[in-house]
Amino acid sequence: MHVLILGGTTEARRLAETLHGGPVRVTSSLAGRVTAPRLPPGDVRVGGFGGADGLARWLREHRVDALIDATHPFAGTISFNAAGAAAATHVPLLALRRPSWAAVDGDDWHPVGSLAEAADALPALGSRVFLTTGRMGLAAFAHLDGLWFLVRSVDAPEPPQPRETRVLLDRGPFTLDGERELLRRHRIDVLVTKDSGGAATAPKLAAAREAGIPVLVVRRPPVPAGVPVAAGPDEAAAWLRHFSG
């Protein structure tokens, strides 16, 4: 059985580790946006497919028996391409998505539907911004000249970006003590994040709660209609066993 994992996430790598060495042949596909990604075991390909049609051709040519979309919750385009390719080739498709974060007592969350909405809401909430939405979306905030931004990302962002920006290159997992110190040292008074879920970057939310800092949370896009969802690698592996017999 040949399984293609559309990956790049911790969950995708853990699923490949779980399946490696077993009866299932695993190919992991990475988008190639990170300079030095953590490679999973098994076969790895890097780069795009050329849309839904290109992915469908790849599934046919490589005789893929099952497709797992374990991409980042905000990688919306590839998820819909995966749904289209799976439908065209009749290959079973599963979405592997870590659960969303949930607010608890003491949180001051402001949910928004997009980065543009987050930028519109920012000036009313603070002036020293900890921006943790990744390096690809800074253009949405580039016009906010009156605010100071601390931008954390794995790789250096490209312009356009806000005029007053300090870039911090780092990769999770992060610790609560480290996030507390970061907020204190940079006098952060508002946090902006995507609802990525997972434990690796969650300590910033706890640190913001302790400090009484408001958090703009960008809601994640929906999974394509009709696609089953697994919350973790174990669930995804169980789904695969259903098809492998």
C-alpha atoms as a PDB file:
ATOM      1  CA  MET A   1       0.000   0.000   0.000  1.00  0.00           C
ATOM      2  CA  HIS A   2       1.390   3.389  -1.019  1.00  0.00           C
ATOM      3  CA  VAL A   3       0.392   6.393   1.101  1.00  0.00           C
ATOM      4  CA  LEU A   4       1.132  10.008   0.229  1.00  0.00           C
ATOM      5  CA  ILE A   5       1.317  12.356   3.220  1.00  0.00           C
ATOM      6  CA  LEU A   6       1.040  16.041   2.422  1.00  0.00           C
ATOM      7  CA  GLY A   7       3.170  17.194   5.301  1.00  0.00           C
ATOM      8  CA  GLY A   8       5.423  19.773   6.838  1.00  0.00           C
ATOM      9  CA  THR A   9       3.770  19.622  10.262  1.00  0.00           C
ATOM     10  CA  THR A  10       4.783  17.836  13.450  1.00  0.00           C
ATOM     11  CA  GLU A  11       1.770  15.550  13.073  1.00  0.00           C
ATOM     12  CA  ALA A  12       2.777  14.589   9.538  1.00  0.00           C
ATOM     13  CA  ARG A  13       6.291  13.722  10.649  1.00  0.00           C
ATOM     14  CA  ARG A  14       4.996  11.660  13.568  1.00  0.00           C
ATOM     15  CA  LEU A  15       2.626   9.770  11.299  1.00  0.00           C
ATOM     16  CA  ALA A  16       5.498   8.959   8.926  1.00  0.00           C
ATOM     17  CA  GLU A  17       7.536   7.761  11.918  1.00  0.00           C
ATOM     18  CA  THR A  18       4.644   5.565  13.061  1.00  0.00           C
ATOM     19  CA  LEU A  19       4.245   3.977   9.638  1.00  0.00           C
ATOM     20  CA  HIS A  20       7.940   3.684   8.780  1.00  0.00           C
ATOM     21  CA  GLY A  21       9.219   0.133   8.683  1.00  0.00           C
ATOM     22  CA  GLY A  22       5.757  -1.381   8.447  1.00  0.00           C
ATOM     23  CA  PRO A  23       3.811  -2.822   5.545  1.00  0.00           C
ATOM     24  CA  VAL A  24       2.862   0.616   4.221  1.00  0.00           C
ATOM     25  CA  ARG A  25       5.101   2.524   1.804  1.00  0.00           C
ATOM     26  CA  VAL A  26       5.116   6.181   2.779  1.00  0.00           C
ATOM     27  CA  THR A  27       5.970   9.216   0.676  1.00  0.00           C
ATOM     28  CA  SER A  28       5.951  12.589   2.438  1.00  0.00           C
ATOM     29  CA  SER A  29       5.529  15.750   0.381  1.00  0.00           C
ATOM     30  CA  LEU A  30       6.876  19.070   1.674  1.00  0.00           C
ATOM     31  CA  ALA A  31       5.996  22.437   0.174  1.00  0.00           C
ATOM     32  CA  GLY A  32       9.596  23.663   0.310  1.00  0.00           C
ATOM     33  CA  ARG A  33       8.867  26.971   2.022  1.00  0.00           C
ATOM     34  CA  VAL A  34      11.200  26.311   4.967  1.00  0.00           C
ATOM     35  CA  THR A  35      14.935  26.426   4.277  1.00  0.00           C
ATOM     36  CA  ALA A  36      15.953  23.520   6.519  1.00  0.00           C
ATOM     37  CA  PRO A  37      12.869  21.395   7.272  1.00  0.00           C
ATOM     38  CA  ARG A  38      12.900  18.478   9.689  1.00  0.00           C
ATOM     39  CA  LEU A  39      12.675  15.549   7.305  1.00  0.00           C
ATOM     40  CA  PRO A  40      10.476  12.566   8.131  1.00  0.00           C
ATOM     41  CA  PRO A  41      11.597   8.974   7.545  1.00  0.00           C
ATOM     42  CA  GLY A  42      10.781   7.294   4.250  1.00  0.00           C
ATOM     43  CA  ASP A  43      10.587   8.811   0.786  1.00  0.00           C
ATOM     44  CA  VAL A  44      10.404  12.603   0.640  1.00  0.00           C
ATOM     45  CA  ARG A  45       9.538  14.924  -2.223  1.00  0.00           C
ATOM     46  CA  VAL A  46       9.766  18.725  -2.076  1.00  0.00           C
ATOM     47  CA  GLY A  47       7.768  21.266  -4.058  1.00  0.00           C
ATOM     48  CA  GLY A  48       4.298  21.803  -5.456  1.00  0.00           C
ATOM     49  CA  PHE A  49       2.304  19.552  -7.753  1.00  0.00           C
ATOM     50  CA  GLY A  50       0.795  22.140 -10.080  1.00  0.00           C
ATOM     51  CA  GLY A  51      -2.691  22.334  -8.622  1.00  0.00           C
ATOM     52  CA  ALA A  52      -5.340  19.655  -8.279  1.00  0.00           C
ATOM     53  CA  ASP A  53      -4.731  18.298 -11.784  1.00  0.00           C
ATOM     54  CA  GLY A  54      -0.993  17.940 -11.166  1.00  0.00           C
ATOM     55  CA  LEU A  55      -1.589  16.191  -7.870  1.00  0.00           C
ATOM     56  CA  ALA A  56      -4.061  13.828  -9.548  1.00  0.00           C
ATOM     57  CA  ARG A  57      -1.444  12.934 -12.169  1.00  0.00           C
ATOM     58  CA  TRP A  58       1.101  12.252  -9.431  1.00  0.00           C
ATOM     59  CA  LEU A  59      -1.341   9.993  -7.582  1.00  0.00           C
ATOM     60  CA  ARG A  60      -1.962   7.974 -10.747  1.00  0.00           C
ATOM     61  CA  GLU A  61       1.659   7.792 -11.884  1.00  0.00           C
ATOM     62  CA  HIS A  62       2.909   6.658  -8.471  1.00  0.00           C
ATOM     63  CA  ARG A  63      -0.036   4.366  -7.766  1.00  0.00           C
ATOM     64  CA  VAL A  64      -1.033   6.015  -4.519  1.00  0.00           C
ATOM     65  CA  ASP A  65      -3.655   4.076  -2.565  1.00  0.00           C
ATOM     66  CA  ALA A  66      -4.445   6.641   0.140  1.00  0.00           C
ATOM     67  CA  LEU A  67      -3.857  10.375   0.589  1.00  0.00           C
ATOM     68  CA  ILE A  68      -3.468  12.127   3.921  1.00  0.00           C
ATOM     69  CA  ASP A  69      -3.586  15.905   4.068  1.00  0.00           C
ATOM     70  CA  ALA A  70      -1.487  16.677   7.135  1.00  0.00           C
ATOM     71  CA  THR A  71      -0.561  20.198   6.079  1.00  0.00           C
ATOM     72  CA  HIS A  72      -0.728  23.256   8.308  1.00  0.00           C
ATOM     73  CA  PRO A  73      -4.309  24.204   9.254  1.00  0.00           C
ATOM     74  CA  PHE A  74      -3.866  27.459   7.314  1.00  0.00           C
ATOM     75  CA  ALA A  75      -2.506  25.877   4.119  1.00  0.00           C
ATOM     76  CA  GLY A  76      -5.954  26.115   2.595  1.00  0.00           C
ATOM     77  CA  THR A  77      -5.114  25.916  -1.109  1.00  0.00           C
ATOM     78  CA  ILE A  78      -3.392  22.536  -0.972  1.00  0.00           C
ATOM     79  CA  SER A  79      -6.272  21.106   1.076  1.00  0.00           C
ATOM     80  CA  PHE A  80      -8.793  21.933  -1.621  1.00  0.00           C
ATOM     81  CA  ASN A  81      -6.388  20.705  -4.312  1.00  0.00           C
ATOM     82  CA  ALA A  82      -6.097  17.444  -2.382  1.00  0.00           C
ATOM     83  CA  ALA A  83      -9.881  17.113  -2.231  1.00  0.00           C
ATOM     84  CA  GLY A  84     -10.160  17.698  -5.977  1.00  0.00           C
ATOM     85  CA  ALA A  85      -7.371  15.265  -6.823  1.00  0.00           C
ATOM     86  CA  ALA A  86      -8.783  12.569  -4.540  1.00  0.00           C
ATOM     87  CA  ALA A  87     -12.213  12.911  -6.103  1.00  0.00           C
ATOM     88  CA  ALA A  88     -10.767  12.718  -9.626  1.00  0.00           C
ATOM     89  CA  THR A  89      -8.709   9.605  -8.899  1.00  0.00           C
ATOM     90  CA  HIS A  90     -11.053   7.902  -6.383  1.00  0.00           C
ATOM     91  CA  VAL A  91      -8.199   7.802  -3.864  1.00  0.00           C
ATOM     92  CA  PRO A  92      -9.401   7.855  -0.219  1.00  0.00           C
ATOM     93  CA  LEU A  93      -8.540  11.146   1.497  1.00  0.00           C
ATOM     94  CA  LEU A  94      -8.149  11.970   5.188  1.00  0.00           C
ATOM     95  CA  ALA A  95      -7.393  15.354   6.755  1.00  0.00           C
ATOM     96  CA  LEU A  96      -5.069  15.183   9.780  1.00  0.00           C
ATOM     97  CA  ARG A  97      -5.666  18.324  11.840  1.00  0.00           C
ATOM     98  CA  ARG A  98      -4.476  19.077  15.349  1.00  0.00           C
ATOM     99  CA  PRO A  99      -7.375  20.392  17.489  1.00  0.00           C
ATOM    100  CA  SER A 100      -7.966  24.134  17.685  1.00  0.00           C
ATOM    101  CA  TRP A 101      -6.952  26.074  20.764  1.00  0.00           C
ATOM    102  CA  ALA A 102      -9.715  26.874  23.234  1.00  0.00           C
ATOM    103  CA  ALA A 103      -9.918  29.952  25.422  1.00  0.00           C
ATOM    104  CA  VAL A 104      -9.931  29.482  29.203  1.00  0.00           C
ATOM    105  CA  ASP A 105     -10.776  31.768  32.128  1.00  0.00           C
ATOM    106  CA  GLY A 106      -8.581  34.844  32.065  1.00  0.00           C
ATOM    107  CA  ASP A 107      -8.005  34.896  28.309  1.00  0.00           C
ATOM    108  CA  ASP A 108      -8.761  38.124  26.453  1.00  0.00           C
ATOM    109  CA  TRP A 109      -9.195  36.727  22.944  1.00  0.00           C
ATOM    110  CA  HIS A 110     -10.489  38.617  19.927  1.00  0.00           C
ATOM    111  CA  PRO A 111     -11.303  36.147  17.121  1.00  0.00           C
ATOM    112  CA  VAL A 112     -11.032  37.457  13.548  1.00  0.00           C
ATOM    113  CA  GLY A 113     -11.570  35.880  10.165  1.00  0.00           C
ATOM    114  CA  SER A 114      -8.380  36.951   8.402  1.00  0.00           C
ATOM    115  CA  LEU A 115      -5.034  38.710   8.730  1.00  0.00           C
ATOM    116  CA  ALA A 116      -6.624  41.813   7.198  1.00  0.00           C
ATOM    117  CA  GLU A 117      -9.252  41.841   9.951  1.00  0.00           C
ATOM    118  CA  ALA A 118      -6.502  41.417  12.527  1.00  0.00           C
ATOM    119  CA  ALA A 119      -4.660  44.440  11.104  1.00  0.00           C
ATOM    120  CA  ASP A 120      -7.854  46.525  11.254  1.00  0.00           C
ATOM    121  CA  ALA A 121      -8.419  45.614  14.901  1.00  0.00           C
ATOM    122  CA  LEU A 122      -4.818  46.033  16.105  1.00  0.00           C
ATOM    123  CA  PRO A 123      -4.564  49.807  16.718  1.00  0.00           C
ATOM    124  CA  ALA A 124      -7.414  49.702  19.241  1.00  0.00           C
ATOM    125  CA  LEU A 125      -5.761  46.931  21.281  1.00  0.00           C
ATOM    126  CA  GLY A 126      -2.096  47.890  21.619  1.00  0.00           C
ATOM    127  CA  SER A 127       0.996  49.485  20.134  1.00  0.00           C
ATOM    128  CA  ARG A 128       3.753  46.916  20.735  1.00  0.00           C
ATOM    129  CA  VAL A 129       2.787  43.806  18.809  1.00  0.00           C
ATOM    130  CA  PHE A 130       4.071  40.254  19.043  1.00  0.00           C
ATOM    131  CA  LEU A 131       3.203  38.912  15.583  1.00  0.00           C
ATOM    132  CA  THR A 132       3.383  35.115  15.297  1.00  0.00           C
ATOM    133  CA  THR A 133       1.430  34.500  12.095  1.00  0.00           C
ATOM    134  CA  GLY A 134       4.409  33.388   9.996  1.00  0.00           C
ATOM    135  CA  ARG A 135       6.543  35.179   7.463  1.00  0.00           C
ATOM    136  CA  MET A 136       4.114  34.946   4.541  1.00  0.00           C
ATOM    137  CA  GLY A 137       1.413  37.355   5.758  1.00  0.00           C
ATOM    138  CA  LEU A 138       3.283  40.472   6.858  1.00  0.00           C
ATOM    139  CA  ALA A 139       1.945  42.520   3.961  1.00  0.00           C
ATOM    140  CA  ALA A 140      -1.422  42.727   5.733  1.00  0.00           C
ATOM    141  CA  PHE A 141       0.243  44.775   8.498  1.00  0.00           C
ATOM    142  CA  ALA A 142       2.694  46.810   6.394  1.00  0.00           C
ATOM    143  CA  HIS A 143       0.565  49.965   6.476  1.00  0.00           C
ATOM    144  CA  LEU A 144       0.473  50.197  10.287  1.00  0.00           C
ATOM    145  CA  ASP A 145       3.217  52.785  10.728  1.00  0.00           C
ATOM    146  CA  GLY A 146       2.222  53.756  14.254  1.00  0.00           C
ATOM    147  CA  LEU A 147       2.856  50.332  15.759  1.00  0.00           C
ATOM    148  CA  TRP A 148       6.025  48.419  16.713  1.00  0.00           C
ATOM    149  CA  PHE A 149       6.217  44.738  15.724  1.00  0.00           C
ATOM    150  CA  LEU A 150       8.191  41.790  16.997  1.00  0.00           C
ATOM    151  CA  VAL A 151       7.905  39.173  14.244  1.00  0.00           C
ATOM    152  CA  ARG A 152       8.879  35.579  15.014  1.00  0.00           C
ATOM    153  CA  SER A 153       9.352  33.094  12.183  1.00  0.00           C
ATOM    154  CA  VAL A 154      11.520  30.147  11.191  1.00  0.00           C
ATOM    155  CA  ASP A 155      12.965  31.917   8.126  1.00  0.00           C
ATOM    156  CA  ALA A 156      13.491  35.618   7.492  1.00  0.00           C
ATOM    157  CA  PRO A 157      10.397  37.372   6.101  1.00  0.00           C
ATOM    158  CA  GLU A 158      10.418  39.309   2.860  1.00  0.00           C
ATOM    159  CA  PRO A 159       8.958  42.779   2.259  1.00  0.00           C
ATOM    160  CA  PRO A 160       6.522  44.376   2.430  1.00  0.00           C
ATOM    161  CA  GLN A 161       6.440  44.506   6.195  1.00  0.00           C
ATOM    162  CA  PRO A 162       5.728  47.140   8.865  1.00  0.00           C
ATOM    163  CA  ARG A 163       8.247  49.953   9.104  1.00  0.00           C
ATOM    164  CA  GLU A 164       8.977  49.363  12.798  1.00  0.00           C
ATOM    165  CA  THR A 165       9.757  45.643  12.791  1.00  0.00           C
ATOM    166  CA  ARG A 166      12.210  43.513  14.706  1.00  0.00           C
ATOM    167  CA  VAL A 167      12.586  39.951  13.405  1.00  0.00           C
ATOM    168  CA  LEU A 168      13.245  37.021  15.720  1.00  0.00           C
ATOM    169  CA  LEU A 169      14.266  33.829  13.910  1.00  0.00           C
ATOM    170  CA  ASP A 170      13.289  30.853  16.033  1.00  0.00           C
ATOM    171  CA  ARG A 171      11.526  27.520  15.827  1.00  0.00           C
ATOM    172  CA  GLY A 172       9.313  25.901  18.469  1.00  0.00           C
ATOM    173  CA  PRO A 173       8.638  24.237  20.752  1.00  0.00           C
ATOM    174  CA  PHE A 174       8.722  27.223  23.082  1.00  0.00           C
ATOM    175  CA  THR A 175       8.592  27.297  26.880  1.00  0.00           C
ATOM    176  CA  LEU A 176       6.321  29.291  29.165  1.00  0.00           C
ATOM    177  CA  ASP A 177       9.286  30.874  30.948  1.00  0.00           C
ATOM    178  CA  GLY A 178      10.791  31.870  27.622  1.00  0.00           C
ATOM    179  CA  GLU A 179       7.549  33.437  26.410  1.00  0.00           C
ATOM    180  CA  ARG A 180       7.072  35.325  29.678  1.00  0.00           C
ATOM    181  CA  GLU A 181      10.555  36.819  29.357  1.00  0.00           C
ATOM    182  CA  LEU A 182      10.025  37.705  25.695  1.00  0.00           C
ATOM    183  CA  LEU A 183       6.804  39.603  26.453  1.00  0.00           C
ATOM    184  CA  ARG A 184       8.467  41.413  29.362  1.00  0.00           C
ATOM    185  CA  ARG A 185      11.699  42.296  27.559  1.00  0.00           C
ATOM    186  CA  HIS A 186       9.955  43.743  24.514  1.00  0.00           C
ATOM    187  CA  ARG A 187       7.104  45.357  26.483  1.00  0.00           C
ATOM    188  CA  ILE A 188       4.522  43.574  24.351  1.00  0.00           C
ATOM    189  CA  ASP A 189       0.935  44.724  24.883  1.00  0.00           C
ATOM    190  CA  VAL A 190      -0.896  42.724  22.176  1.00  0.00           C
ATOM    191  CA  LEU A 191      -0.360  39.301  20.594  1.00  0.00           C
ATOM    192  CA  VAL A 192      -1.458  38.229  17.111  1.00  0.00           C
ATOM    193  CA  THR A 193      -1.605  34.531  16.251  1.00  0.00           C
ATOM    194  CA  LYS A 194      -3.302  32.082  13.959  1.00  0.00           C
ATOM    195  CA  ASP A 195      -5.331  29.284  15.520  1.00  0.00           C
ATOM    196  CA  SER A 196      -2.692  26.729  14.608  1.00  0.00           C
ATOM    197  CA  GLY A 197      -3.383  24.496  17.597  1.00  0.00           C
ATOM    198  CA  GLY A 198      -0.842  22.131  19.119  1.00  0.00           C
ATOM    199  CA  ALA A 199       1.467  22.366  22.105  1.00  0.00           C
ATOM    200  CA  ALA A 200       4.661  23.644  20.458  1.00  0.00           C
ATOM    201  CA  THR A 201       3.586  27.287  20.290  1.00  0.00           C
ATOM    202  CA  ALA A 202       0.793  27.331  22.898  1.00  0.00           C
ATOM    203  CA  PRO A 203       2.919  28.758  25.783  1.00  0.00           C
ATOM    204  CA  LYS A 204       2.622  32.257  24.281  1.00  0.00           C
ATOM    205  CA  LEU A 205      -1.126  32.105  24.988  1.00  0.00           C
ATOM    206  CA  ALA A 206      -0.544  31.219  28.635  1.00  0.00           C
ATOM    207  CA  ALA A 207       2.053  33.991  28.946  1.00  0.00           C
ATOM    208  CA  ALA A 208      -0.363  36.516  27.420  1.00  0.00           C
ATOM    209  CA  ARG A 209      -3.119  35.381  29.790  1.00  0.00           C
ATOM    210  CA  GLU A 210      -0.849  35.831  32.827  1.00  0.00           C
ATOM    211  CA  ALA A 211       0.189  39.295  31.642  1.00  0.00           C
ATOM    212  CA  GLY A 212      -3.367  40.395  30.822  1.00  0.00           C
ATOM    213  CA  ILE A 213      -2.448  40.949  27.186  1.00  0.00           C
ATOM    214  CA  PRO A 214      -5.195  40.821  24.524  1.00  0.00           C
ATOM    215  CA  VAL A 215      -4.795  38.216  21.785  1.00  0.00           C
ATOM    216  CA  LEU A 216      -6.041  38.525  18.224  1.00  0.00           C
ATOM    217  CA  VAL A 217      -6.752  34.966  17.074  1.00  0.00           C
ATOM    218  CA  VAL A 218      -7.198  34.354  13.342  1.00  0.00           C
ATOM    219  CA  ARG A 219      -9.721  31.556  12.851  1.00  0.00           C
ATOM    220  CA  ARG A 220      -8.555  28.632  10.720  1.00  0.00           C
ATOM    221  CA  PRO A 221     -10.200  27.900   7.349  1.00  0.00           C
ATOM    222  CA  PRO A 222     -12.565  24.917   7.132  1.00  0.00           C
ATOM    223  CA  VAL A 223     -11.588  21.483   5.884  1.00  0.00           C
ATOM    224  CA  PRO A 224     -13.184  20.791   2.455  1.00  0.00           C
ATOM    225  CA  ALA A 225     -16.705  19.434   2.798  1.00  0.00           C
ATOM    226  CA  GLY A 226     -17.010  15.673   3.024  1.00  0.00           C
ATOM    227  CA  VAL A 227     -13.389  14.996   4.003  1.00  0.00           C
ATOM    228  CA  PRO A 228     -13.051  12.936   7.207  1.00  0.00           C
ATOM    229  CA  VAL A 229     -10.799  14.421   9.887  1.00  0.00           C
ATOM    230  CA  ALA A 230      -8.383  12.747  12.309  1.00  0.00           C
ATOM    231  CA  ALA A 231      -7.172  14.666  15.370  1.00  0.00           C
ATOM    232  CA  GLY A 232      -3.798  12.926  15.625  1.00  0.00           C
ATOM    233  CA  PRO A 233      -1.352  10.462  14.051  1.00  0.00           C
ATOM    234  CA  ASP A 234      -2.810   7.461  15.887  1.00  0.00           C
ATOM    235  CA  GLU A 235      -6.273   8.148  14.478  1.00  0.00           C
ATOM    236  CA  ALA A 236      -4.796   8.555  11.010  1.00  0.00           C
ATOM    237  CA  ALA A 237      -2.908   5.254  11.311  1.00  0.00           C
ATOM    238  CA  ALA A 238      -6.136   3.517  12.379  1.00  0.00           C
ATOM    239  CA  TRP A 239      -7.904   4.996   9.336  1.00  0.00           C
ATOM    240  CA  LEU A 240      -5.163   3.574   7.101  1.00  0.00           C
ATOM    241  CA  ARG A 241      -5.481   0.118   8.626  1.00  0.00           C
ATOM    242  CA  HIS A 242      -9.105   0.105   7.517  1.00  0.00           C
ATOM    243  CA  PHE A 243      -7.973   0.291   3.890  1.00  0.00           C
ATOM    244  CA  SER A 244      -4.929  -1.982   4.192  1.00  0.00           C
ATOM    245  CA  GLY A 245      -6.959  -4.771   5.752  1.00  0.00           C
END
